[in-house]
Amino acid sequence: MHGSKGNKHALVHQNISAEKVFINRPYNPLISDSGLHKLLADDIVFSMLKASAAMGYLAPEYTTTGRFTEKSDVYAFGMIVLQILSGKRNITQLTLHAAESCRYEDFIDANLGGNFSESEADKLGRIALRCTNESPIHRPTAETVMLELSESIVAA
């Protein structure tokens, strides 16, 4: 999505959220609504952005720059990973602090009943925390995240 290859330009989604991620039969993720904001009226786009901001998907720099970049999509991806790990729609500072401290009992979805790999939770948590860094400069690229995730799969 973010890679530029040949005459194909990079695409910044600008409004990634858990509701826009689908999984197909072979478990490949699909993202919907890409570029839809360009077809909608400004008031509808603003309404969508308010919902994204309320859920924590909107990168902090958007409020000051008014621009979306690949790093704002990475931020939204990190929030989705944190939601999956914690089993919560709203990620609080308490959840972030628990993830930073590797306090799994305060961070990983309690519905799992402790049945999860701590090393995988740690790896995913660290990736998500880097993706949601306040500063876009310190966030990894989408390509780096994909590489790290694929290395985890190979190692498993």
C-alpha atoms as a PDB file:
ATOM      1  CA  MET A   1       0.000   0.000   0.000  1.00  0.00           C
ATOM      2  CA  HIS A   2       2.776   2.433   0.902  1.00  0.00           C
ATOM      3  CA  GLY A   3       5.378   1.200  -1.547  1.00  0.00           C
ATOM      4  CA  SER A   4       6.039   3.011  -4.816  1.00  0.00           C
ATOM      5  CA  LYS A   5       6.859   0.580  -7.609  1.00  0.00           C
ATOM      6  CA  GLY A   6       7.340   1.615 -11.222  1.00  0.00           C
ATOM      7  CA  ASN A   7       4.619   4.078 -12.164  1.00  0.00           C
ATOM      8  CA  LYS A   8       2.451   3.059  -9.191  1.00  0.00           C
ATOM      9  CA  HIS A   9       2.504   5.713  -6.476  1.00  0.00           C
ATOM     10  CA  ALA A  10       2.334   5.046  -2.757  1.00  0.00           C
ATOM     11  CA  LEU A  11      -1.151   5.178  -1.282  1.00  0.00           C
ATOM     12  CA  VAL A  12      -1.896   6.650   2.138  1.00  0.00           C
ATOM     13  CA  HIS A  13      -5.232   5.345   3.433  1.00  0.00           C
ATOM     14  CA  GLN A  14      -5.848   8.264   5.831  1.00  0.00           C
ATOM     15  CA  ASN A  15      -8.585   6.611   7.857  1.00  0.00           C
ATOM     16  CA  ILE A  16      -7.578   3.108   8.948  1.00  0.00           C
ATOM     17  CA  SER A  17      -9.588   1.590  11.779  1.00  0.00           C
ATOM     18  CA  ALA A  18     -10.472  -1.895  12.975  1.00  0.00           C
ATOM     19  CA  GLU A  19     -13.864  -1.637  11.266  1.00  0.00           C
ATOM     20  CA  LYS A  20     -12.134  -1.297   7.886  1.00  0.00           C
ATOM     21  CA  VAL A  21      -9.950  -4.403   8.192  1.00  0.00           C
ATOM     22  CA  PHE A  22     -11.374  -7.658   6.890  1.00  0.00           C
ATOM     23  CA  ILE A  23      -9.887 -11.139   6.833  1.00  0.00           C
ATOM     24  CA  ASN A  24     -10.566 -13.353   3.804  1.00  0.00           C
ATOM     25  CA  ARG A  25     -10.754 -17.166   3.722  1.00  0.00           C
ATOM     26  CA  PRO A  26      -6.965 -17.794   3.607  1.00  0.00           C
ATOM     27  CA  TYR A  27      -6.594 -15.232   6.463  1.00  0.00           C
ATOM     28  CA  ASN A  28      -5.200 -12.382   4.378  1.00  0.00           C
ATOM     29  CA  PRO A  29      -6.049  -8.894   5.662  1.00  0.00           C
ATOM     30  CA  LEU A  30      -8.001  -6.611   3.350  1.00  0.00           C
ATOM     31  CA  ILE A  31      -8.472  -2.888   3.979  1.00  0.00           C
ATOM     32  CA  SER A  32     -11.615  -1.124   2.785  1.00  0.00           C
ATOM     33  CA  ASP A  33     -12.504   2.516   2.074  1.00  0.00           C
ATOM     34  CA  SER A  34      -9.090   3.404   0.678  1.00  0.00           C
ATOM     35  CA  GLY A  35      -9.359   6.776  -1.044  1.00  0.00           C
ATOM     36  CA  LEU A  36     -13.066   7.062  -0.303  1.00  0.00           C
ATOM     37  CA  HIS A  37     -12.467  10.393   1.485  1.00  0.00           C
ATOM     38  CA  LYS A  38     -11.688  12.016  -1.880  1.00  0.00           C
ATOM     39  CA  LEU A  39     -15.181  11.171  -3.136  1.00  0.00           C
ATOM     40  CA  LEU A  40     -17.088  12.391  -0.088  1.00  0.00           C
ATOM     41  CA  ALA A  41     -18.186  15.861   0.979  1.00  0.00           C
ATOM     42  CA  ASP A  42     -15.940  17.625   3.499  1.00  0.00           C
ATOM     43  CA  ASP A  43     -18.529  17.404   6.289  1.00  0.00           C
ATOM     44  CA  ILE A  44     -18.755  13.609   5.886  1.00  0.00           C
ATOM     45  CA  VAL A  45     -14.962  13.302   5.872  1.00  0.00           C
ATOM     46  CA  PHE A  46     -14.760  15.484   8.996  1.00  0.00           C
ATOM     47  CA  SER A  47     -17.370  13.278  10.682  1.00  0.00           C
ATOM     48  CA  MET A  48     -15.352  10.158   9.814  1.00  0.00           C
ATOM     49  CA  LEU A  49     -12.157  11.746  11.123  1.00  0.00           C
ATOM     50  CA  LYS A  50     -13.850  12.714  14.391  1.00  0.00           C
ATOM     51  CA  ALA A  51     -14.848   9.065  14.884  1.00  0.00           C
ATOM     52  CA  SER A  52     -11.277   7.940  14.114  1.00  0.00           C
ATOM     53  CA  ALA A  53      -9.869  10.478  16.564  1.00  0.00           C
ATOM     54  CA  ALA A  54     -12.284   9.351  19.272  1.00  0.00           C
ATOM     55  CA  MET A  55     -11.143   5.747  18.860  1.00  0.00           C
ATOM     56  CA  GLY A  56      -7.482   6.797  18.974  1.00  0.00           C
ATOM     57  CA  TYR A  57      -6.619   5.922  15.365  1.00  0.00           C
ATOM     58  CA  LEU A  58      -5.769   9.461  14.320  1.00  0.00           C
ATOM     59  CA  ALA A  59      -2.059  10.209  14.629  1.00  0.00           C
ATOM     60  CA  PRO A  60      -1.244  13.097  16.990  1.00  0.00           C
ATOM     61  CA  GLU A  61       0.566  15.141  14.337  1.00  0.00           C
ATOM     62  CA  TYR A  62      -2.585  15.401  12.222  1.00  0.00           C
ATOM     63  CA  THR A  63      -4.025  17.934  14.666  1.00  0.00           C
ATOM     64  CA  THR A  64      -1.069  20.266  14.090  1.00  0.00           C
ATOM     65  CA  THR A  65      -0.222  19.620  10.424  1.00  0.00           C
ATOM     66  CA  GLY A  66      -3.583  18.629   8.947  1.00  0.00           C
ATOM     67  CA  ARG A  67      -1.732  16.142   6.748  1.00  0.00           C
ATOM     68  CA  PHE A  68      -1.746  12.391   6.487  1.00  0.00           C
ATOM     69  CA  THR A  69       1.398  10.450   5.728  1.00  0.00           C
ATOM     70  CA  GLU A  70       2.477   6.830   5.646  1.00  0.00           C
ATOM     71  CA  LYS A  71       3.437   7.306   9.303  1.00  0.00           C
ATOM     72  CA  SER A  72      -0.150   8.254  10.237  1.00  0.00           C
ATOM     73  CA  ASP A  73      -1.314   4.949   8.718  1.00  0.00           C
ATOM     74  CA  VAL A  74       1.402   3.165  10.730  1.00  0.00           C
ATOM     75  CA  TYR A  75       0.061   4.858  13.874  1.00  0.00           C
ATOM     76  CA  ALA A  76      -3.460   3.590  13.129  1.00  0.00           C
ATOM     77  CA  PHE A  77      -2.099   0.092  12.496  1.00  0.00           C
ATOM     78  CA  GLY A  78      -0.341   0.155  15.872  1.00  0.00           C
ATOM     79  CA  MET A  79      -3.601   1.104  17.576  1.00  0.00           C
ATOM     80  CA  ILE A  80      -5.365  -1.827  15.899  1.00  0.00           C
ATOM     81  CA  VAL A  81      -2.659  -4.220  17.123  1.00  0.00           C
ATOM     82  CA  LEU A  82      -3.029  -2.838  20.655  1.00  0.00           C
ATOM     83  CA  GLN A  83      -6.799  -3.338  20.436  1.00  0.00           C
ATOM     84  CA  ILE A  84      -6.354  -6.937  19.320  1.00  0.00           C
ATOM     85  CA  LEU A  85      -3.846  -7.710  22.062  1.00  0.00           C
ATOM     86  CA  SER A  86      -5.851  -6.072  24.830  1.00  0.00           C
ATOM     87  CA  GLY A  87      -9.319  -7.049  23.612  1.00  0.00           C
ATOM     88  CA  LYS A  88     -10.405  -3.445  24.209  1.00  0.00           C
ATOM     89  CA  ARG A  89     -11.780  -0.865  21.784  1.00  0.00           C
ATOM     90  CA  ASN A  90     -10.351   2.080  23.712  1.00  0.00           C
ATOM     91  CA  ILE A  91      -6.632   2.064  24.421  1.00  0.00           C
ATOM     92  CA  THR A  92      -5.883   4.019  27.581  1.00  0.00           C
ATOM     93  CA  GLN A  93      -2.634   5.295  29.042  1.00  0.00           C
ATOM     94  CA  LEU A  94      -2.924   2.457  31.583  1.00  0.00           C
ATOM     95  CA  THR A  95      -2.971  -0.097  28.753  1.00  0.00           C
ATOM     96  CA  LEU A  96       0.013   1.569  27.084  1.00  0.00           C
ATOM     97  CA  HIS A  97       1.961   1.659  30.340  1.00  0.00           C
ATOM     98  CA  ALA A  98       1.196  -2.023  30.989  1.00  0.00           C
ATOM     99  CA  ALA A  99       2.434  -2.878  27.485  1.00  0.00           C
ATOM    100  CA  GLU A 100       5.621  -0.851  27.995  1.00  0.00           C
ATOM    101  CA  SER A 101       6.215  -2.606  31.330  1.00  0.00           C
ATOM    102  CA  CYS A 102       5.357  -6.070  29.902  1.00  0.00           C
ATOM    103  CA  ARG A 103       2.726  -6.543  32.621  1.00  0.00           C
ATOM    104  CA  TYR A 104       0.760  -9.070  30.629  1.00  0.00           C
ATOM    105  CA  GLU A 105      -1.983  -9.508  33.218  1.00  0.00           C
ATOM    106  CA  ASP A 106      -2.856  -5.807  32.796  1.00  0.00           C
ATOM    107  CA  PHE A 107      -2.399  -5.731  29.058  1.00  0.00           C
ATOM    108  CA  ILE A 108      -3.395  -8.946  27.249  1.00  0.00           C
ATOM    109  CA  ASP A 109      -7.075  -9.778  26.737  1.00  0.00           C
ATOM    110  CA  ALA A 110      -8.307 -11.462  29.933  1.00  0.00           C
ATOM    111  CA  ASN A 111     -10.628 -13.646  27.819  1.00  0.00           C
ATOM    112  CA  LEU A 112      -7.555 -15.600  26.717  1.00  0.00           C
ATOM    113  CA  GLY A 113      -7.250 -16.952  30.255  1.00  0.00           C
ATOM    114  CA  GLY A 114      -3.472 -16.829  30.095  1.00  0.00           C
ATOM    115  CA  ASN A 115      -3.348 -19.034  26.981  1.00  0.00           C
ATOM    116  CA  PHE A 116      -0.952 -17.021  24.837  1.00  0.00           C
ATOM    117  CA  SER A 117       2.737 -16.883  24.059  1.00  0.00           C
ATOM    118  CA  GLU A 118       4.416 -14.223  26.181  1.00  0.00           C
ATOM    119  CA  SER A 119       7.251 -13.884  23.671  1.00  0.00           C
ATOM    120  CA  GLU A 120       4.789 -13.282  20.805  1.00  0.00           C
ATOM    121  CA  ALA A 121       2.748 -10.866  22.918  1.00  0.00           C
ATOM    122  CA  ASP A 122       5.963  -9.050  23.815  1.00  0.00           C
ATOM    123  CA  LYS A 123       7.054  -8.816  20.164  1.00  0.00           C
ATOM    124  CA  LEU A 124       3.637  -7.607  18.962  1.00  0.00           C
ATOM    125  CA  GLY A 125       3.349  -5.193  21.881  1.00  0.00           C
ATOM    126  CA  ARG A 126       6.749  -3.677  21.147  1.00  0.00           C
ATOM    127  CA  ILE A 127       5.908  -3.290  17.450  1.00  0.00           C
ATOM    128  CA  ALA A 128       2.580  -1.648  18.329  1.00  0.00           C
ATOM    129  CA  LEU A 129       4.246   0.714  20.795  1.00  0.00           C
ATOM    130  CA  ARG A 130       6.805   1.776  18.195  1.00  0.00           C
ATOM    131  CA  CYS A 131       4.012   2.286  15.655  1.00  0.00           C
ATOM    132  CA  THR A 132       2.117   4.531  18.093  1.00  0.00           C
ATOM    133  CA  ASN A 133       5.089   6.657  19.090  1.00  0.00           C
ATOM    134  CA  GLU A 134       4.022  10.298  19.489  1.00  0.00           C
ATOM    135  CA  SER A 135       6.696  11.370  17.014  1.00  0.00           C
ATOM    136  CA  PRO A 136       6.267  10.139  13.429  1.00  0.00           C
ATOM    137  CA  ILE A 137      10.040  10.260  12.997  1.00  0.00           C
ATOM    138  CA  HIS A 138      10.398   7.480  15.578  1.00  0.00           C
ATOM    139  CA  ARG A 139       7.723   5.241  14.037  1.00  0.00           C
ATOM    140  CA  PRO A 140       8.836   2.411  11.772  1.00  0.00           C
ATOM    141  CA  THR A 141       7.807   2.316   8.142  1.00  0.00           C
ATOM    142  CA  ALA A 142       5.038  -0.052   7.070  1.00  0.00           C
ATOM    143  CA  GLU A 143       7.677  -2.039   5.202  1.00  0.00           C
ATOM    144  CA  THR A 144       9.754  -2.446   8.391  1.00  0.00           C
ATOM    145  CA  VAL A 145       6.686  -3.570  10.334  1.00  0.00           C
ATOM    146  CA  MET A 146       5.800  -6.134   7.653  1.00  0.00           C
ATOM    147  CA  LEU A 147       9.363  -7.433   7.669  1.00  0.00           C
ATOM    148  CA  GLU A 148       9.372  -7.796  11.467  1.00  0.00           C
ATOM    149  CA  LEU A 149       5.998  -9.549  11.417  1.00  0.00           C
ATOM    150  CA  SER A 150       7.077 -11.953   8.678  1.00  0.00           C
ATOM    151  CA  GLU A 151      10.283 -12.734  10.611  1.00  0.00           C
ATOM    152  CA  SER A 152       8.110 -13.630  13.603  1.00  0.00           C
ATOM    153  CA  ILE A 153       6.070 -16.028  11.486  1.00  0.00           C
ATOM    154  CA  VAL A 154       9.167 -17.721  10.082  1.00  0.00           C
ATOM    155  CA  ALA A 155      10.675 -18.059  13.572  1.00  0.00           C
ATOM    156  CA  ALA A 156       7.510 -19.663  14.978  1.00  0.00           C
END
